[in-house]
Amino acid sequence: MRVWHLAWPMILSNITVPLLGAVDTAVLGHLPSPEYLSGVAIGASVISMLLWAFGFLRMGTTSLVARSSDSGASWLLRALGLALLLGILLLLLASPLLPLVTQWMNASAEATPHARDYLQIRLLSAPIALANFALLGFFIGRQDSRAPLAILVTANLLNIVLDLVLILGLGMGARGAAWASVCADLCSFGMGWWLLRLRHRDTPQEMARVLRNTAFWPWQNIAPWLELLRINSDLFVRTCLLLFTLTFFTAQGAAQGDTVLAANAILLQLLMMTSYALDGFAHATESLVGQSVARKSMAQFRRTNRAAGGLALITAVGITAILVTGRFWILPLFTSIPEVLAAATTYYSWLCALPLVAVWSYQLDGVFIGAGKSRQMRDTMFIATVIVFLPCWWLTRQLGNTGIWFSLFLWFFARSIGLMVYFYNYTKKNYWL
């Protein structure tokens, strides 16, 4: 019951994240030309790569706070400081590289201006977006799944409303989608800070005390900062490999034309919705596994994984059933362009098969994050990307988009198998504690 109590708010809040992208896709997909959807698909892929490369700020903060013996205020402060620094660097360094990025993504001449407009605007909120990762990580680490639900639902509903107003109402196209997302980032941070003061009243006061303590600063006590960098560096490499794969996938679709790119964008949005839904159980696992490690309780560790794994599998089966039975009404929700709809239908079977294969990669990520075993996640992702995905893509290039989807399927499969092997060996040797 504890797993479900923590998981259901995370499932609902996680679904709102890809739902936001799905609304962007659906609104742009009903405009007269696919170039708007193609431009935002490229821009959204690039901004996801840039921002989610720093997703370790969420995962690392969750792991450290869950295993902390106090309120976790000092870890939140360190994560927020790192987020601000990285966000400013990203804003300053990424903007001059946008022409090269869109060229690498194989954007068509028609889609390129929309992609650049989207990216230039979205980068404005980079520091706030990274700070939001740290706040969400803190709440999950404290086993407060209601706060992320309130933050993400409110911010994404605002984004959806602004999408409709700016894109359809004011005709701003890709720029409207970007400004809507910037406003959502600002809303997320403001609400996150308000909920921190409301639901964890001891934490702001503790943060103030920590800042006044000279032992907090790295030149006085370097050990906690090195621990933050250690776990975050592994997660950074792992996340970069993940985002490289998804961005490479999008780029290869773009090389086959705007129609295939738009179709893949729709299917990826649906894949993200299933991924984020299943991640709800992984987030619950993170905090509970972190707690069991801190208490050195192998019994709690086993109970958590049995409950979370069973619920995740049941959910994956349910998602697959919905996708299979709803194939004739789900895709028309996203586009009315006949050629895009036909292309998406051709590759829809791959989407239906992925939840049952990918569920273990999501779920076991939660176990390794909670236990602070970030190196194993990094190594598994490296094998899946460099040894499985890229060679498979190279060998199946003649199959076109089918080869790309087959490579992505094997990538998820390799991630799941790799983490299963680590999990089995570590459990057998009682290595978790």
Protein backbone atom coordinates (compact mmCIF):
# COMPACT_ATOMS: atom_id res chain seq x y z
CA MET A 1 0.00 0.00 0.00
CA ARG A 2 2.86 2.38 0.73
CA VAL A 3 4.15 1.95 -2.83
CA TRP A 4 0.74 2.72 -4.32
CA HIS A 5 0.23 5.66 -1.94
CA LEU A 6 3.43 7.23 -3.25
CA ALA A 7 3.08 6.07 -6.84
CA TRP A 8 -0.39 7.23 -7.90
CA PRO A 9 0.28 10.97 -7.48
CA MET A 10 3.56 10.52 -9.35
CA ILE A 11 1.80 8.63 -12.15
CA LEU A 12 -0.74 11.43 -12.57
CA SER A 13 1.89 14.17 -12.37
CA ASN A 14 4.27 12.33 -14.72
CA ILE A 15 1.55 11.85 -17.32
CA THR A 16 1.03 15.62 -17.46
CA VAL A 17 4.63 16.09 -18.70
CA PRO A 18 4.29 14.18 -22.00
CA LEU A 19 0.64 15.24 -22.16
CA LEU A 20 1.94 18.76 -22.53
CA GLY A 21 4.09 17.68 -25.48
CA ALA A 22 1.12 15.74 -26.83
CA VAL A 23 -1.02 18.89 -26.77
CA ASP A 24 1.75 20.81 -28.57
CA THR A 25 1.84 18.02 -31.15
CA ALA A 26 -1.93 17.84 -31.50
CA VAL A 27 -2.41 21.61 -31.85
CA LEU A 28 0.43 21.99 -34.36
CA GLY A 29 -0.59 18.78 -36.12
CA HIS A 30 -3.91 20.32 -37.05
CA LEU A 31 -2.33 23.34 -38.72
CA PRO A 32 -2.39 23.26 -42.55
CA SER A 33 1.26 22.23 -43.07
CA PRO A 34 3.48 19.64 -41.31
CA GLU A 35 6.44 22.07 -41.21
CA TYR A 36 5.17 23.62 -37.94
CA LEU A 37 4.96 20.21 -36.27
CA SER A 38 8.34 19.21 -37.73
CA GLY A 39 10.02 22.39 -36.48
CA VAL A 40 8.69 22.01 -32.95
CA ALA A 41 9.50 18.27 -32.98
CA ILE A 42 13.13 19.13 -33.71
CA GLY A 43 13.19 22.04 -31.27
CA ALA A 44 11.57 20.00 -28.51
CA SER A 45 14.01 17.11 -29.06
CA VAL A 46 16.99 19.45 -28.80
CA ILE A 47 15.71 21.29 -25.72
CA SER A 48 14.93 17.94 -24.11
CA MET A 49 18.49 16.84 -24.80
CA LEU A 50 19.90 20.06 -23.35
CA LEU A 51 17.69 20.21 -20.25
CA TRP A 52 17.28 16.54 -19.46
CA ALA A 53 21.02 16.04 -19.78
CA PHE A 54 20.90 17.73 -16.38
CA GLY A 55 18.06 15.52 -15.15
CA PHE A 56 20.59 14.17 -12.66
CA LEU A 57 19.64 17.18 -10.56
CA ARG A 58 16.28 15.48 -9.96
CA MET A 59 17.53 11.90 -9.62
CA GLY A 60 20.65 12.71 -7.63
CA THR A 61 18.76 14.97 -5.23
CA THR A 62 16.13 12.28 -4.65
CA SER A 63 18.79 9.68 -3.87
CA LEU A 64 20.74 11.92 -1.48
CA VAL A 65 17.69 13.31 0.33
CA ALA A 66 16.11 9.83 0.71
CA ARG A 67 19.30 8.52 2.33
CA SER A 68 19.86 11.64 4.44
CA SER A 69 19.54 11.45 8.22
CA ASP A 70 18.07 14.98 8.45
CA SER A 71 15.56 17.06 6.46
CA GLY A 72 17.78 17.08 3.36
CA ALA A 73 17.90 20.90 3.33
CA SER A 74 21.66 21.00 2.74
CA TRP A 75 21.36 18.67 -0.28
CA LEU A 76 18.57 20.81 -1.71
CA LEU A 77 20.71 23.93 -1.34
CA ARG A 78 23.65 22.30 -3.09
CA ALA A 79 21.41 21.07 -5.89
CA LEU A 80 19.80 24.51 -6.36
CA GLY A 81 23.20 26.19 -6.49
CA LEU A 82 24.45 23.71 -9.05
CA ALA A 83 21.23 24.12 -11.07
CA LEU A 84 21.61 27.92 -11.19
CA LEU A 85 25.24 27.70 -12.30
CA LEU A 86 24.55 25.10 -14.99
CA GLY A 87 21.43 26.90 -16.22
CA ILE A 88 23.31 30.17 -16.76
CA LEU A 89 26.12 28.36 -18.59
CA LEU A 90 23.59 26.55 -20.77
CA LEU A 91 21.85 29.81 -21.65
CA LEU A 92 25.12 31.52 -22.57
CA LEU A 93 26.77 28.67 -24.47
CA ALA A 94 23.89 26.99 -26.28
CA SER A 95 22.39 29.98 -28.11
CA PRO A 96 25.34 30.56 -30.52
CA LEU A 97 25.27 26.86 -31.50
CA LEU A 98 21.62 26.73 -32.63
CA PRO A 99 22.35 26.89 -36.41
CA LEU A 100 24.73 23.92 -36.12
CA VAL A 101 22.23 22.00 -33.99
CA THR A 102 19.37 22.36 -36.45
CA GLN A 103 21.69 21.37 -39.28
CA TRP A 104 22.79 18.23 -37.40
CA MET A 105 19.14 17.35 -36.84
CA ASN A 106 18.57 17.27 -40.62
CA ALA A 107 15.85 19.91 -40.43
CA SER A 108 14.28 20.81 -43.75
CA ALA A 109 14.51 24.37 -45.08
CA GLU A 110 10.84 24.92 -44.21
CA ALA A 111 11.09 23.54 -40.64
CA THR A 112 14.43 25.16 -39.68
CA PRO A 113 13.12 28.70 -38.88
CA HIS A 114 10.40 27.26 -36.62
CA ALA A 115 12.92 25.05 -34.81
CA ARG A 116 15.29 27.98 -34.19
CA ASP A 117 12.52 30.26 -32.94
CA TYR A 118 11.36 27.56 -30.53
CA LEU A 119 14.86 26.91 -29.18
CA GLN A 120 15.83 30.57 -28.71
CA ILE A 121 12.75 31.24 -26.60
CA ARG A 122 12.84 28.00 -24.57
CA LEU A 123 16.45 28.57 -23.53
CA LEU A 124 15.43 31.73 -21.67
CA SER A 125 14.00 29.66 -18.82
CA ALA A 126 16.89 27.15 -18.62
CA PRO A 127 18.09 28.16 -15.09
CA ILE A 128 14.54 27.95 -13.72
CA ALA A 129 13.87 24.63 -15.47
CA LEU A 130 16.97 23.08 -13.86
CA ALA A 131 16.05 24.49 -10.44
CA ASN A 132 12.68 22.79 -10.83
CA PHE A 133 14.49 19.44 -11.17
CA ALA A 134 16.14 19.99 -7.79
CA LEU A 135 12.85 20.91 -6.11
CA LEU A 136 11.05 17.87 -7.53
CA GLY A 137 13.94 15.64 -6.44
CA PHE A 138 13.68 16.99 -2.90
CA PHE A 139 9.94 16.34 -2.66
CA ILE A 140 10.26 12.78 -3.99
CA GLY A 141 13.16 12.08 -1.63
CA ARG A 142 11.01 13.22 1.29
CA GLN A 143 8.25 10.83 0.10
CA ASP A 144 5.98 13.79 -0.68
CA SER A 145 4.44 12.80 -4.00
CA ARG A 146 1.49 15.20 -3.67
CA ALA A 147 3.67 18.29 -4.15
CA PRO A 148 5.03 17.22 -7.58
CA LEU A 149 1.45 16.38 -8.58
CA ALA A 150 0.25 19.87 -7.69
CA ILE A 151 3.25 21.55 -9.35
CA LEU A 152 3.21 19.67 -12.63
CA VAL A 153 -0.56 19.55 -13.10
CA THR A 154 -0.96 23.28 -12.46
CA ALA A 155 1.99 24.30 -14.64
CA ASN A 156 1.06 21.99 -17.51
CA LEU A 157 -2.58 23.02 -17.49
CA LEU A 158 -1.35 26.61 -17.80
CA ASN A 159 0.87 25.53 -20.69
CA ILE A 160 -2.02 23.82 -22.46
CA VAL A 161 -4.23 26.89 -22.13
CA LEU A 162 -1.44 29.13 -23.41
CA ASP A 163 -0.85 26.71 -26.31
CA LEU A 164 -4.43 27.12 -27.43
CA VAL A 165 -4.36 30.91 -26.99
CA LEU A 166 -0.95 31.62 -28.52
CA ILE A 167 -0.90 29.02 -31.32
CA LEU A 168 -4.53 28.84 -32.43
CA GLY A 169 -5.81 32.15 -31.09
CA LEU A 170 -2.92 34.46 -31.96
CA GLY A 171 -1.34 32.38 -34.72
CA MET A 172 2.14 32.43 -33.18
CA GLY A 173 3.01 28.88 -34.28
CA ALA A 174 6.26 27.50 -32.85
CA ARG A 175 6.98 30.74 -30.97
CA GLY A 176 3.67 30.40 -29.18
CA ALA A 177 4.47 26.83 -28.11
CA ALA A 178 7.84 28.00 -26.78
CA TRP A 179 6.48 30.96 -24.78
CA ALA A 180 3.82 28.71 -23.27
CA SER A 181 6.55 26.37 -22.01
CA VAL A 182 8.60 29.25 -20.59
CA CYS A 183 5.59 30.47 -18.61
CA ALA A 184 5.03 26.93 -17.33
CA ASP A 185 8.63 26.74 -16.07
CA LEU A 186 8.21 29.98 -14.12
CA CYS A 187 4.90 28.79 -12.70
CA SER A 188 6.50 25.48 -11.62
CA PHE A 189 9.27 27.19 -9.68
CA GLY A 190 6.96 29.66 -7.94
CA MET A 191 4.54 26.95 -6.90
CA GLY A 192 7.35 24.61 -5.84
CA TRP A 193 8.82 27.20 -3.50
CA TRP A 194 5.37 27.98 -2.07
CA LEU A 195 4.70 24.27 -1.41
CA LEU A 196 8.12 23.89 0.18
CA ARG A 197 7.22 26.58 2.71
CA LEU A 198 3.73 25.20 3.19
CA ARG A 199 4.34 21.43 3.45
CA HIS A 200 7.93 21.35 4.80
CA ARG A 201 8.02 24.37 7.09
CA ASP A 202 11.20 23.24 8.79
CA THR A 203 13.15 23.14 5.53
CA PRO A 204 13.39 26.89 4.66
CA GLN A 205 14.55 27.66 8.22
CA GLU A 206 17.01 24.78 8.03
CA MET A 207 18.30 26.08 4.69
CA ALA A 208 18.89 29.50 6.24
CA ARG A 209 20.83 27.90 9.12
CA VAL A 210 22.89 25.82 6.70
CA LEU A 211 23.85 28.91 4.69
CA ARG A 212 25.09 30.60 7.87
CA ASN A 213 27.21 27.56 8.75
CA THR A 214 30.67 27.93 7.25
CA ALA A 215 31.03 24.13 7.20
CA PHE A 216 28.44 24.02 4.38
CA TRP A 217 30.68 25.71 1.83
CA PRO A 218 33.02 23.58 -0.33
CA TRP A 219 36.22 25.33 0.76
CA GLN A 220 35.44 24.25 4.35
CA ASN A 221 33.97 20.77 3.79
CA ILE A 222 34.49 19.34 0.33
CA ALA A 223 33.24 15.77 1.00
CA PRO A 224 29.47 16.37 0.50
CA TRP A 225 30.10 18.34 -2.68
CA LEU A 226 32.27 15.53 -4.04
CA GLU A 227 29.48 13.04 -3.27
CA LEU A 228 27.03 15.28 -5.10
CA LEU A 229 29.37 15.46 -8.10
CA ARG A 230 30.10 11.71 -8.02
CA ILE A 231 26.50 10.55 -8.22
CA ASN A 232 25.54 13.36 -10.59
CA SER A 233 28.44 12.74 -12.99
CA ASP A 234 27.37 9.11 -13.49
CA LEU A 235 23.76 10.14 -13.97
CA PHE A 236 24.84 12.91 -16.34
CA VAL A 237 26.64 10.46 -18.63
CA ARG A 238 23.70 8.04 -18.44
CA THR A 239 21.18 10.76 -19.28
CA CYS A 240 23.29 12.13 -22.13
CA LEU A 241 23.40 8.67 -23.70
CA LEU A 242 19.64 8.32 -23.31
CA LEU A 243 18.93 11.69 -24.87
CA PHE A 244 21.48 11.11 -27.61
CA THR A 245 19.58 7.96 -28.60
CA LEU A 246 16.20 9.70 -28.69
CA THR A 247 17.59 12.75 -30.50
CA PHE A 248 19.45 10.53 -32.99
CA PHE A 249 16.19 8.66 -33.54
CA THR A 250 14.43 11.95 -34.34
CA ALA A 251 17.24 13.09 -36.63
CA GLN A 252 17.15 9.87 -38.65
CA GLY A 253 13.41 10.28 -39.08
CA ALA A 254 13.94 13.88 -40.19
CA ALA A 255 16.35 12.67 -42.88
CA GLN A 256 13.42 10.79 -44.45
CA GLY A 257 11.26 13.90 -44.79
CA ASP A 258 8.80 15.99 -42.80
CA THR A 259 6.04 13.37 -43.05
CA VAL A 260 8.07 10.61 -41.38
CA LEU A 261 9.46 13.10 -38.86
CA ALA A 262 5.96 14.25 -37.93
CA ALA A 263 4.71 10.64 -37.66
CA ASN A 264 7.62 9.69 -35.40
CA ALA A 265 6.98 12.79 -33.28
CA ILE A 266 3.42 11.61 -32.62
CA LEU A 267 4.51 8.07 -31.75
CA LEU A 268 7.29 9.35 -29.50
CA GLN A 269 4.80 11.53 -27.63
CA LEU A 270 2.68 8.44 -26.98
CA LEU A 271 5.79 6.52 -25.93
CA MET A 272 6.70 9.31 -23.51
CA MET A 273 3.22 9.18 -22.00
CA THR A 274 3.60 5.45 -21.29
CA SER A 275 7.15 5.97 -20.00
CA TYR A 276 6.20 8.70 -17.57
CA ALA A 277 3.21 6.71 -16.32
CA LEU A 278 5.39 3.69 -15.55
CA ASP A 279 8.01 5.99 -14.00
CA GLY A 280 5.52 6.72 -11.20
CA PHE A 281 6.34 3.35 -9.64
CA ALA A 282 10.06 3.97 -10.17
CA HIS A 283 9.82 7.28 -8.28
CA ALA A 284 8.06 5.58 -5.37
CA THR A 285 10.77 2.92 -5.42
CA GLU A 286 13.51 5.57 -5.31
CA SER A 287 12.38 7.07 -2.01
CA LEU A 288 11.48 3.75 -0.35
CA VAL A 289 14.67 1.99 -1.45
CA GLY A 290 16.69 5.00 -0.25
CA GLN A 291 14.94 4.75 3.10
CA SER A 292 15.59 0.99 3.35
CA VAL A 293 19.28 1.51 2.54
CA ALA A 294 19.56 4.25 5.17
CA ARG A 295 17.92 1.90 7.73
CA LYS A 296 19.94 -1.10 6.47
CA SER A 297 16.70 -3.06 6.17
CA MET A 298 16.88 -5.78 3.53
CA ALA A 299 13.34 -6.86 4.42
CA GLN A 300 11.94 -3.43 3.47
CA PHE A 301 14.08 -3.45 0.32
CA ARG A 302 12.59 -6.76 -0.82
CA ARG A 303 8.99 -5.74 0.04
CA THR A 304 9.35 -2.51 -1.88
CA ASN A 305 10.64 -4.20 -5.01
CA ARG A 306 8.06 -6.99 -4.99
CA ALA A 307 5.19 -4.53 -4.64
CA ALA A 308 6.50 -1.93 -7.08
CA GLY A 309 7.57 -4.49 -9.68
CA GLY A 310 4.20 -6.24 -9.63
CA LEU A 311 2.23 -2.99 -9.94
CA ALA A 312 4.49 -1.75 -12.75
CA LEU A 313 4.02 -4.97 -14.73
CA ILE A 314 0.23 -4.86 -14.36
CA THR A 315 0.24 -1.23 -15.50
CA ALA A 316 2.44 -2.04 -18.53
CA VAL A 317 0.03 -4.80 -19.60
CA GLY A 318 -2.90 -2.39 -19.23
CA ILE A 319 -1.16 0.30 -21.31
CA THR A 320 -0.40 -2.20 -24.06
CA ALA A 321 -4.04 -3.32 -24.10
CA ILE A 322 -5.22 0.30 -24.42
CA LEU A 323 -2.80 1.00 -27.26
CA VAL A 324 -3.78 -2.15 -29.17
CA THR A 325 -7.54 -1.65 -28.84
CA GLY A 326 -7.39 2.11 -29.40
CA ARG A 327 -5.19 2.24 -32.48
CA PHE A 328 -8.00 3.54 -34.75
CA TRP A 329 -9.01 6.49 -32.54
CA ILE A 330 -5.78 7.47 -30.73
CA LEU A 331 -3.75 8.62 -33.75
CA PRO A 332 -6.48 10.87 -35.26
CA LEU A 333 -6.42 12.85 -32.02
CA PHE A 334 -2.93 14.03 -32.91
CA THR A 335 -3.18 14.90 -36.59
CA SER A 336 -5.66 15.30 -39.41
CA ILE A 337 -2.98 15.32 -42.14
CA PRO A 338 -3.62 12.12 -44.17
CA GLU A 339 -0.03 11.31 -45.09
CA VAL A 340 1.20 11.80 -41.50
CA LEU A 341 -1.64 9.65 -40.16
CA ALA A 342 -0.84 6.88 -42.66
CA ALA A 343 2.86 6.92 -41.76
CA ALA A 344 2.13 6.82 -38.01
CA THR A 345 -0.22 3.87 -38.51
CA THR A 346 2.52 1.94 -40.34
CA TYR A 347 4.86 2.01 -37.33
CA TYR A 348 2.23 1.91 -34.58
CA SER A 349 2.87 -1.78 -33.75
CA TRP A 350 6.33 -0.94 -32.44
CA LEU A 351 4.75 1.48 -29.97
CA CYS A 352 2.34 -1.21 -28.75
CA ALA A 353 5.18 -3.66 -28.04
CA LEU A 354 7.49 -1.29 -26.17
CA PRO A 355 5.79 -0.96 -22.72
CA LEU A 356 6.21 -4.67 -21.91
CA VAL A 357 9.91 -4.51 -22.78
CA ALA A 358 10.74 -1.07 -21.39
CA VAL A 359 8.94 -1.35 -18.04
CA TRP A 360 11.92 -3.04 -16.35
CA SER A 361 14.36 -0.38 -17.50
CA TYR A 362 12.20 2.26 -15.81
CA GLN A 363 11.49 0.26 -12.68
CA LEU A 364 15.03 -0.88 -12.02
CA ASP A 365 16.31 2.66 -12.61
CA GLY A 366 14.31 3.58 -9.52
CA VAL A 367 16.01 0.83 -7.49
CA PHE A 368 19.52 1.89 -8.49
CA ILE A 369 18.81 5.60 -7.99
CA GLY A 370 17.39 5.01 -4.52
CA ALA A 371 20.35 2.86 -3.52
CA GLY A 372 22.86 5.36 -4.91
CA LYS A 373 24.22 2.88 -7.48
CA SER A 374 24.56 5.34 -10.33
CA ARG A 375 27.63 3.77 -11.95
CA GLN A 376 25.68 0.63 -12.85
CA MET A 377 23.01 2.72 -14.58
CA ARG A 378 25.70 4.53 -16.54
CA ASP A 379 27.40 1.33 -17.67
CA THR A 380 24.14 -0.33 -18.72
CA MET A 381 23.11 2.69 -20.75
CA PHE A 382 26.52 2.79 -22.44
CA ILE A 383 26.22 -0.85 -23.52
CA ALA A 384 22.64 -0.37 -24.74
CA THR A 385 23.52 2.73 -26.77
CA VAL A 386 27.01 2.10 -28.12
CA ILE A 387 27.07 -1.68 -28.43
CA VAL A 388 23.41 -2.38 -29.27
CA PHE A 389 21.52 0.64 -30.67
CA LEU A 390 24.10 2.22 -32.99
CA PRO A 391 25.34 -1.03 -34.60
CA CYS A 392 21.74 -2.18 -35.08
CA TRP A 393 20.83 1.12 -36.75
CA TRP A 394 23.88 0.82 -39.03
CA LEU A 395 23.00 -2.72 -40.09
CA THR A 396 19.31 -1.92 -40.74
CA ARG A 397 19.66 1.42 -42.54
CA GLN A 398 18.24 -0.07 -45.72
CA LEU A 399 14.97 -0.71 -43.87
CA GLY A 400 14.40 3.03 -43.40
CA ASN A 401 12.14 4.00 -40.53
CA THR A 402 11.43 0.36 -39.69
CA GLY A 403 15.13 -0.13 -38.97
CA ILE A 404 15.12 2.89 -36.67
CA TRP A 405 12.17 1.54 -34.66
CA PHE A 406 13.73 -1.93 -34.48
CA SER A 407 16.94 -0.39 -33.12
CA LEU A 408 14.98 1.55 -30.49
CA PHE A 409 13.17 -1.65 -29.46
CA LEU A 410 16.49 -3.48 -28.96
CA TRP A 411 17.84 -0.47 -27.04
CA PHE A 412 15.06 -0.74 -24.46
CA PHE A 413 15.49 -4.52 -24.32
CA ALA A 414 19.23 -4.21 -23.66
CA ARG A 415 18.65 -1.67 -20.88
CA SER A 416 16.16 -3.95 -19.15
CA ILE A 417 18.35 -7.05 -19.42
CA GLY A 418 21.47 -5.21 -18.25
CA LEU A 419 19.80 -3.83 -15.13
CA MET A 420 18.21 -7.23 -14.40
CA VAL A 421 21.65 -8.87 -14.40
CA TYR A 422 23.02 -6.25 -12.00
CA PHE A 423 19.93 -6.51 -9.77
CA TYR A 424 20.12 -10.32 -9.56
CA ASN A 425 23.83 -10.36 -8.74
CA TYR A 426 23.65 -7.59 -6.15
CA THR A 427 20.63 -9.13 -4.44
CA LYS A 428 22.26 -12.57 -4.37
CA LYS A 429 25.41 -11.07 -2.79
CA ASN A 430 23.44 -8.73 -0.49
CA TYR A 431 25.38 -5.83 -1.98
CA TRP A 432 22.62 -3.22 -1.70
CA LEU A 433 23.26 -2.39 1.96
